[in-house]
Amino acid sequence: MAAPGHNHSVKSRVAAISIFASGGMAVAKLVVGIAIGSLALISEALHSAIDLVATIITWAVVRVSDLPRR
């Protein structure tokens, strides 16, 4: 059986990894979009940036949910 709180740290780590993945995708789309002059890809990069904000909020909520209850 896992130690108490172990599942919470795994959730937090997965959410943090998700932040880096979302950020990497947004940056890659933006760089390629600018490099090839694609407004569609630049627009998709901005959409991915909004997804990144949602992922950061998810990570923050997971962190708060890991706090000890009173």
PDB file of N, CA and C in Angstrom:
ATOM      1  N   MET A   1       0.845  -1.190   0.000  1.00  0.00           N
ATOM      2  CA  MET A   1       0.000   0.000   0.000  1.00  0.00           C
ATOM      3  C   MET A   1       0.881   1.241   0.000  1.00  0.00           C
ATOM      4  N   ALA A   2       0.472   2.260  -0.732  1.00  0.00           N
ATOM      5  CA  ALA A   2       1.256   3.488  -0.856  1.00  0.00           C
ATOM      6  C   ALA A   2       1.209   4.291   0.433  1.00  0.00           C
ATOM      7  N   ALA A   3       2.257   5.039   0.667  1.00  0.00           N
ATOM      8  CA  ALA A   3       2.322   5.884   1.854  1.00  0.00           C
ATOM      9  C   ALA A   3       1.285   6.993   1.745  1.00  0.00           C
ATOM     10  N   PRO A   4       0.766   7.470   2.891  1.00  0.00           N
ATOM     11  CA  PRO A   4      -0.208   8.566   2.847  1.00  0.00           C
ATOM     12  C   PRO A   4       0.400   9.786   2.149  1.00  0.00           C
ATOM     13  N   GLY A   5      -0.370  10.387   1.282  1.00  0.00           N
ATOM     14  CA  GLY A   5       0.086  11.570   0.566  1.00  0.00           C
ATOM     15  C   GLY A   5       0.849  11.254  -0.704  1.00  0.00           C
ATOM     16  N   HIS A   6       1.197   9.979  -0.889  1.00  0.00           N
ATOM     17  CA  HIS A   6       1.967   9.590  -2.080  1.00  0.00           C
ATOM     18  C   HIS A   6       1.188   9.883  -3.355  1.00  0.00           C
ATOM     19  N   ASN A   7      -0.087   9.536  -3.362  1.00  0.00           N
ATOM     20  CA  ASN A   7      -0.923   9.767  -4.545  1.00  0.00           C
ATOM     21  C   ASN A   7      -1.004  11.248  -4.870  1.00  0.00           C
ATOM     22  N   HIS A   8      -1.021  12.091  -3.824  1.00  0.00           N
ATOM     23  CA  HIS A   8      -1.093  13.532  -4.040  1.00  0.00           C
ATOM     24  C   HIS A   8       0.172  14.045  -4.715  1.00  0.00           C
ATOM     25  N   SER A   9       1.346  13.560  -4.290  1.00  0.00           N
ATOM     26  CA  SER A   9       2.583  14.036  -4.891  1.00  0.00           C
ATOM     27  C   SER A   9       2.683  13.585  -6.344  1.00  0.00           C
ATOM     28  N   VAL A  10       2.162  12.408  -6.651  1.00  0.00           N
ATOM     29  CA  VAL A  10       2.156  11.921  -8.030  1.00  0.00           C
ATOM     30  C   VAL A  10       1.267  12.821  -8.883  1.00  0.00           C
ATOM     31  N   LYS A  11       0.089  13.172  -8.376  1.00  0.00           N
ATOM     32  CA  LYS A  11      -0.815  14.057  -9.118  1.00  0.00           C
ATOM     33  C   LYS A  11      -0.170  15.412  -9.371  1.00  0.00           C
ATOM     34  N   SER A  12       0.502  15.949  -8.375  1.00  0.00           N
ATOM     35  CA  SER A  12       1.161  17.242  -8.513  1.00  0.00           C
ATOM     36  C   SER A  12       2.285  17.169  -9.539  1.00  0.00           C
ATOM     37  N   ARG A  13       3.048  16.079  -9.518  1.00  0.00           N
ATOM     38  CA  ARG A  13       4.150  15.917 -10.466  1.00  0.00           C
ATOM     39  C   ARG A  13       3.624  15.784 -11.897  1.00  0.00           C
ATOM     40  N   VAL A  14       2.559  15.012 -12.066  1.00  0.00           N
ATOM     41  CA  VAL A  14       1.963  14.851 -13.395  1.00  0.00           C
ATOM     42  C   VAL A  14       1.446  16.193 -13.909  1.00  0.00           C
ATOM     43  N   ALA A  15       0.803  16.964 -13.039  1.00  0.00           N
ATOM     44  CA  ALA A  15       0.304  18.280 -13.441  1.00  0.00           C
ATOM     45  C   ALA A  15       1.464  19.206 -13.817  1.00  0.00           C
ATOM     46  N   ALA A  16       2.571  19.133 -13.082  1.00  0.00           N
ATOM     47  CA  ALA A  16       3.731  19.968 -13.393  1.00  0.00           C
ATOM     48  C   ALA A  16       4.340  19.575 -14.744  1.00  0.00           C
ATOM     49  N   ILE A  17       4.431  18.281 -15.008  1.00  0.00           N
ATOM     50  CA  ILE A  17       4.947  17.814 -16.296  1.00  0.00           C
ATOM     51  C   ILE A  17       4.047  18.308 -17.424  1.00  0.00           C
ATOM     52  N   SER A  18       2.760  18.310 -17.163  1.00  0.00           N
ATOM     53  CA  SER A  18       1.786  18.783 -18.147  1.00  0.00           C
ATOM     54  C   SER A  18       2.016  20.254 -18.487  1.00  0.00           C
ATOM     55  N   ILE A  19       2.407  21.035 -17.500  1.00  0.00           N
ATOM     56  CA  ILE A  19       2.695  22.454 -17.726  1.00  0.00           C
ATOM     57  C   ILE A  19       3.840  22.594 -18.723  1.00  0.00           C
ATOM     58  N   PHE A  20       4.906  21.822 -18.507  1.00  0.00           N
ATOM     59  CA  PHE A  20       6.060  21.912 -19.399  1.00  0.00           C
ATOM     60  C   PHE A  20       5.712  21.425 -20.805  1.00  0.00           C
ATOM     61  N   ALA A  21       4.913  20.379 -20.887  1.00  0.00           N
ATOM     62  CA  ALA A  21       4.508  19.863 -22.202  1.00  0.00           C
ATOM     63  C   ALA A  21       3.646  20.886 -22.935  1.00  0.00           C
ATOM     64  N   SER A  22       2.677  21.463 -22.245  1.00  0.00           N
ATOM     65  CA  SER A  22       1.802  22.470 -22.865  1.00  0.00           C
ATOM     66  C   SER A  22       2.598  23.700 -23.284  1.00  0.00           C
ATOM     67  N   GLY A  23       3.497  24.127 -22.415  1.00  0.00           N
ATOM     68  CA  GLY A  23       4.328  25.287 -22.735  1.00  0.00           C
ATOM     69  C   GLY A  23       5.232  25.027 -23.931  1.00  0.00           C
ATOM     70  N   GLY A  24       5.817  23.839 -23.973  1.00  0.00           N
ATOM     71  CA  GLY A  24       6.684  23.474 -25.093  1.00  0.00           C
ATOM     72  C   GLY A  24       5.934  23.461 -26.408  1.00  0.00           C
ATOM     73  N   MET A  25       4.732  22.910 -26.383  1.00  0.00           N
ATOM     74  CA  MET A  25       3.918  22.878 -27.600  1.00  0.00           C
ATOM     75  C   MET A  25       3.555  24.283 -28.052  1.00  0.00           C
ATOM     76  N   ALA A  26       3.174  25.140 -27.121  1.00  0.00           N
ATOM     77  CA  ALA A  26       2.801  26.514 -27.475  1.00  0.00           C
ATOM     78  C   ALA A  26       3.985  27.249 -28.099  1.00  0.00           C
ATOM     79  N   VAL A  27       5.152  27.108 -27.488  1.00  0.00           N
ATOM     80  CA  VAL A  27       6.340  27.782 -27.996  1.00  0.00           C
ATOM     81  C   VAL A  27       6.724  27.231 -29.372  1.00  0.00           C
ATOM     82  N   ALA A  28       6.694  25.914 -29.523  1.00  0.00           N
ATOM     83  CA  ALA A  28       7.054  25.303 -30.809  1.00  0.00           C
ATOM     84  C   ALA A  28       6.114  25.775 -31.919  1.00  0.00           C
ATOM     85  N   LYS A  29       4.820  25.801 -31.634  1.00  0.00           N
ATOM     86  CA  LYS A  29       3.860  26.258 -32.639  1.00  0.00           C
ATOM     87  C   LYS A  29       4.097  27.714 -32.999  1.00  0.00           C
ATOM     88  N   LEU A  30       4.400  28.541 -32.006  1.00  0.00           N
ATOM     89  CA  LEU A  30       4.641  29.959 -32.259  1.00  0.00           C
ATOM     90  C   LEU A  30       5.901  30.150 -33.112  1.00  0.00           C
ATOM     91  N   VAL A  31       6.970  29.475 -32.744  1.00  0.00           N
ATOM     92  CA  VAL A  31       8.230  29.618 -33.480  1.00  0.00           C
ATOM     93  C   VAL A  31       8.063  29.165 -34.933  1.00  0.00           C
ATOM     94  N   VAL A  32       7.454  27.998 -35.124  1.00  0.00           N
ATOM     95  CA  VAL A  32       7.260  27.490 -36.485  1.00  0.00           C
ATOM     96  C   VAL A  32       6.290  28.388 -37.253  1.00  0.00           C
ATOM     97  N   GLY A  33       5.235  28.825 -36.580  1.00  0.00           N
ATOM     98  CA  GLY A  33       4.272  29.708 -37.235  1.00  0.00           C
ATOM     99  C   GLY A  33       4.899  30.994 -37.718  1.00  0.00           C
ATOM    100  N   ILE A  34       5.761  31.585 -36.890  1.00  0.00           N
ATOM    101  CA  ILE A  34       6.456  32.812 -37.294  1.00  0.00           C
ATOM    102  C   ILE A  34       7.455  32.508 -38.413  1.00  0.00           C
ATOM    103  N   ALA A  35       8.169  31.393 -38.270  1.00  0.00           N
ATOM    104  CA  ALA A  35       9.202  31.039 -39.256  1.00  0.00           C
ATOM    105  C   ALA A  35       8.615  30.831 -40.653  1.00  0.00           C
ATOM    106  N   ILE A  36       7.435  30.225 -40.722  1.00  0.00           N
ATOM    107  CA  ILE A  36       6.858  29.955 -42.048  1.00  0.00           C
ATOM    108  C   ILE A  36       5.776  30.969 -42.425  1.00  0.00           C
ATOM    109  N   GLY A  37       5.526  31.913 -41.523  1.00  0.00           N
ATOM    110  CA  GLY A  37       4.544  32.954 -41.824  1.00  0.00           C
ATOM    111  C   GLY A  37       3.109  32.456 -41.848  1.00  0.00           C
ATOM    112  N   SER A  38       2.802  31.490 -40.970  1.00  0.00           N
ATOM    113  CA  SER A  38       1.456  30.914 -40.939  1.00  0.00           C
ATOM    114  C   SER A  38       0.622  31.538 -39.825  1.00  0.00           C
ATOM    115  N   LEU A  39      -0.356  32.341 -40.209  1.00  0.00           N
ATOM    116  CA  LEU A  39      -1.244  32.934 -39.206  1.00  0.00           C
ATOM    117  C   LEU A  39      -2.065  31.865 -38.492  1.00  0.00           C
ATOM    118  N   ALA A  40      -2.398  30.799 -39.201  1.00  0.00           N
ATOM    119  CA  ALA A  40      -3.159  29.711 -38.582  1.00  0.00           C
ATOM    120  C   ALA A  40      -2.353  29.056 -37.466  1.00  0.00           C
ATOM    121  N   LEU A  41      -1.071  28.834 -37.700  1.00  0.00           N
ATOM    122  CA  LEU A  41      -0.240  28.193 -36.689  1.00  0.00           C
ATOM    123  C   LEU A  41       0.033  29.142 -35.521  1.00  0.00           C
ATOM    124  N   ILE A  42       0.191  30.417 -35.814  1.00  0.00           N
ATOM    125  CA  ILE A  42       0.360  31.408 -34.744  1.00  0.00           C
ATOM    126  C   ILE A  42      -0.910  31.467 -33.897  1.00  0.00           C
ATOM    127  N   SER A  43      -2.060  31.433 -34.550  1.00  0.00           N
ATOM    128  CA  SER A  43      -3.330  31.409 -33.834  1.00  0.00           C
ATOM    129  C   SER A  43      -3.438  30.157 -32.968  1.00  0.00           C
ATOM    130  N   GLU A  44      -3.013  29.027 -33.499  1.00  0.00           N
ATOM    131  CA  GLU A  44      -3.030  27.779 -32.729  1.00  0.00           C
ATOM    132  C   GLU A  44      -2.086  27.868 -31.531  1.00  0.00           C
ATOM    133  N   ALA A  45      -0.967  28.564 -31.699  1.00  0.00           N
ATOM    134  CA  ALA A  45      -0.037  28.766 -30.582  1.00  0.00           C
ATOM    135  C   ALA A  45      -0.700  29.569 -29.468  1.00  0.00           C
ATOM    136  N   LEU A  46      -1.470  30.582 -29.843  1.00  0.00           N
ATOM    137  CA  LEU A  46      -2.186  31.373 -28.832  1.00  0.00           C
ATOM    138  C   LEU A  46      -3.245  30.519 -28.132  1.00  0.00           C
ATOM    139  N   HIS A  47      -3.899  29.660 -28.885  1.00  0.00           N
ATOM    140  CA  HIS A  47      -4.866  28.736 -28.291  1.00  0.00           C
ATOM    141  C   HIS A  47      -4.164  27.800 -27.318  1.00  0.00           C
ATOM    142  N   SER A  48      -3.002  27.321 -27.688  1.00  0.00           N
ATOM    143  CA  SER A  48      -2.227  26.449 -26.802  1.00  0.00           C
ATOM    144  C   SER A  48      -1.791  27.199 -25.549  1.00  0.00           C
ATOM    145  N   ALA A  49      -1.517  28.505 -25.689  1.00  0.00           N
ATOM    146  CA  ALA A  49      -1.144  29.308 -24.525  1.00  0.00           C
ATOM    147  C   ALA A  49      -2.308  29.397 -23.541  1.00  0.00           C
ATOM    148  N   ILE A  50      -3.516  29.473 -24.057  1.00  0.00           N
ATOM    149  CA  ILE A  50      -4.695  29.474 -23.182  1.00  0.00           C
ATOM    150  C   ILE A  50      -4.824  28.120 -22.483  1.00  0.00           C
ATOM    151  N   ASP A  51      -4.556  27.043 -23.213  1.00  0.00           N
ATOM    152  CA  ASP A  51      -4.537  25.719 -22.594  1.00  0.00           C
ATOM    153  C   ASP A  51      -3.480  25.648 -21.494  1.00  0.00           C
ATOM    154  N   LEU A  52      -2.348  26.311 -21.724  1.00  0.00           N
ATOM    155  CA  LEU A  52      -1.291  26.347 -20.713  1.00  0.00           C
ATOM    156  C   LEU A  52      -1.787  27.016 -19.438  1.00  0.00           C
ATOM    157  N   VAL A  53      -2.517  28.098 -19.579  1.00  0.00           N
ATOM    158  CA  VAL A  53      -3.076  28.775 -18.398  1.00  0.00           C
ATOM    159  C   VAL A  53      -4.010  27.825 -17.638  1.00  0.00           C
ATOM    160  N   ALA A  54      -4.842  27.099 -18.363  1.00  0.00           N
ATOM    161  CA  ALA A  54      -5.744  26.132 -17.725  1.00  0.00           C
ATOM    162  C   ALA A  54      -4.951  25.042 -17.011  1.00  0.00           C
ATOM    163  N   THR A  55      -3.848  24.610 -17.601  1.00  0.00           N
ATOM    164  CA  THR A  55      -3.014  23.585 -16.980  1.00  0.00           C
ATOM    165  C   THR A  55      -2.365  24.113 -15.709  1.00  0.00           C
ATOM    166  N   ILE A  56      -1.931  25.363 -15.730  1.00  0.00           N
ATOM    167  CA  ILE A  56      -1.341  25.973 -14.530  1.00  0.00           C
ATOM    168  C   ILE A  56      -2.380  26.074 -13.422  1.00  0.00           C
ATOM    169  N   ILE A  57      -3.599  26.427 -13.771  1.00  0.00           N
ATOM    170  CA  ILE A  57      -4.675  26.485 -12.777  1.00  0.00           C
ATOM    171  C   ILE A  57      -4.931  25.100 -12.205  1.00  0.00           C
ATOM    172  N   THR A  58      -4.926  24.091 -13.045  1.00  0.00           N
ATOM    173  CA  THR A  58      -5.117  22.715 -12.570  1.00  0.00           C
ATOM    174  C   THR A  58      -4.017  22.333 -11.593  1.00  0.00           C
ATOM    175  N   TRP A  59      -2.773  22.651 -11.923  1.00  0.00           N
ATOM    176  CA  TRP A  59      -1.646  22.345 -11.046  1.00  0.00           C
ATOM    177  C   TRP A  59      -1.818  23.042  -9.691  1.00  0.00           C
ATOM    178  N   ALA A  60      -2.231  24.317  -9.723  1.00  0.00           N
ATOM    179  CA  ALA A  60      -2.424  25.067  -8.482  1.00  0.00           C
ATOM    180  C   ALA A  60      -3.523  24.444  -7.627  1.00  0.00           C
ATOM    181  N   VAL A  61      -4.601  24.020  -8.270  1.00  0.00           N
ATOM    182  CA  VAL A  61      -5.708  23.397  -7.531  1.00  0.00           C
ATOM    183  C   VAL A  61      -5.257  22.078  -6.907  1.00  0.00           C
ATOM    184  N   VAL A  62      -4.470  21.309  -7.650  1.00  0.00           N
ATOM    185  CA  VAL A  62      -3.950  20.047  -7.100  1.00  0.00           C
ATOM    186  C   VAL A  62      -3.064  20.339  -5.901  1.00  0.00           C
ATOM    187  N   ARG A  63      -2.228  21.361  -5.993  1.00  0.00           N
ATOM    188  CA  ARG A  63      -1.353  21.722  -4.866  1.00  0.00           C
ATOM    189  C   ARG A  63      -2.176  22.127  -3.645  1.00  0.00           C
ATOM    190  N   VAL A  64      -3.209  22.928  -3.858  1.00  0.00           N
ATOM    191  CA  VAL A  64      -4.050  23.353  -2.735  1.00  0.00           C
ATOM    192  C   VAL A  64      -4.771  22.153  -2.133  1.00  0.00           C
ATOM    193  N   SER A  65      -5.225  21.242  -2.991  1.00  0.00           N
ATOM    194  CA  SER A  65      -5.925  20.068  -2.471  1.00  0.00           C
ATOM    195  C   SER A  65      -5.005  19.153  -1.677  1.00  0.00           C
ATOM    196  N   ASP A  66      -3.692  19.278  -1.884  1.00  0.00           N
ATOM    197  CA  ASP A  66      -2.731  18.473  -1.134  1.00  0.00           C
ATOM    198  C   ASP A  66      -2.443  19.030   0.244  1.00  0.00           C
ATOM    199  N   LEU A  67      -2.865  20.264   0.518  1.00  0.00           N
ATOM    200  CA  LEU A  67      -2.614  20.863   1.827  1.00  0.00           C
ATOM    201  C   LEU A  67      -3.376  20.096   2.908  1.00  0.00           C
ATOM    202  N   PRO A  68      -2.772  20.005   4.098  1.00  0.00           N
ATOM    203  CA  PRO A  68      -3.470  19.301   5.183  1.00  0.00           C
ATOM    204  C   PRO A  68      -4.782  19.986   5.547  1.00  0.00           C
ATOM    205  N   ARG A  69      -5.742  19.197   5.852  1.00  0.00           N
ATOM    206  CA  ARG A  69      -7.050  19.732   6.268  1.00  0.00           C
ATOM    207  C   ARG A  69      -6.997  20.106   7.744  1.00  0.00           C
ATOM    208  N   ARG A  70      -7.804  21.087   8.113  1.00  0.00           N
ATOM    209  CA  ARG A  70      -7.872  21.480   9.533  1.00  0.00           C
ATOM    210  C   ARG A  70      -9.022  20.813  10.208  1.00  0.00           C
TER     211      ARG A  70
END
